[in-house]
């Protein structure tokens, strides 16, 4: 079997959502993250939404 040396993902994947919620009393823990994945390119940048906070 030959391995594919292409980039992962081969095309943009948008809106991947992960939720962590734990309610074992008060206060409870909650986190929600939505990310986009794009094929790797030279000079990769990392961006965070400015309105978070």
Protein backbone atom coordinates (compact mmCIF):
# COMPACT_ATOMS: atom_id res chain seq x y z
CA UNK A 1 0.00 0.00 0.00
CA UNK A 2 1.38 3.40 -0.95
CA UNK A 3 0.85 6.35 1.35
CA UNK A 4 -0.61 9.58 0.04
CA UNK A 5 1.82 12.44 0.60
CA UNK A 6 -0.78 15.11 -0.24
CA UNK A 7 -1.94 17.68 2.25
CA UNK A 8 -4.62 17.05 4.85
CA UNK A 9 -7.31 18.01 4.43
CA UNK A 10 -7.34 17.95 0.63
CA UNK A 11 -10.06 20.65 0.63
CA UNK A 12 -11.34 23.19 3.18
CA UNK A 13 -13.51 21.79 6.00
CA UNK A 14 -15.59 24.49 7.65
CA UNK A 15 -17.54 24.66 10.88
CA UNK A 16 -16.16 21.69 12.83
CA UNK A 17 -17.80 22.06 16.25
CA UNK A 18 -16.80 20.56 19.60
CA UNK A 19 -18.77 20.98 22.82
CA UNK A 20 -17.66 20.14 26.36
CA UNK A 21 -20.34 20.32 29.03
CA UNK A 22 -20.11 18.98 32.58
CA UNK A 23 -22.82 19.64 35.07
CA UNK A 24 -21.95 18.09 38.40
CA UNK A 25 -23.40 20.89 40.48
CA UNK A 26 -22.98 24.63 40.50
CA UNK A 27 -20.98 26.09 38.89
CA UNK A 28 -20.89 23.83 35.83
CA UNK A 29 -18.18 23.71 33.12
CA UNK A 30 -19.01 24.54 29.50
CA UNK A 31 -16.90 25.16 26.39
CA UNK A 32 -17.86 25.39 22.73
CA UNK A 33 -15.32 25.68 19.90
CA UNK A 34 -15.88 25.95 16.15
CA UNK A 35 -12.89 25.67 13.81
CA UNK A 36 -12.14 25.65 10.08
CA UNK A 37 -9.44 23.45 8.53
CA UNK A 38 -7.71 24.31 5.26
CA UNK A 39 -4.98 22.58 3.26
CA UNK A 40 -1.47 23.41 4.47
CA UNK A 41 0.46 26.10 2.62
CA UNK A 42 3.82 27.79 3.10
CA UNK A 43 3.60 30.71 5.59
CA UNK A 44 0.69 29.27 7.60
CA UNK A 45 -1.11 31.82 9.76
CA UNK A 46 -3.21 31.36 12.89
CA UNK A 47 -6.23 33.60 13.37
CA UNK A 48 -8.57 34.10 16.33
CA UNK A 49 -11.89 35.91 16.07
CA UNK A 50 -11.49 39.43 17.50
CA UNK A 51 -14.96 39.54 19.02
CA UNK A 52 -14.18 36.72 21.48
CA UNK A 53 -13.68 37.73 25.05
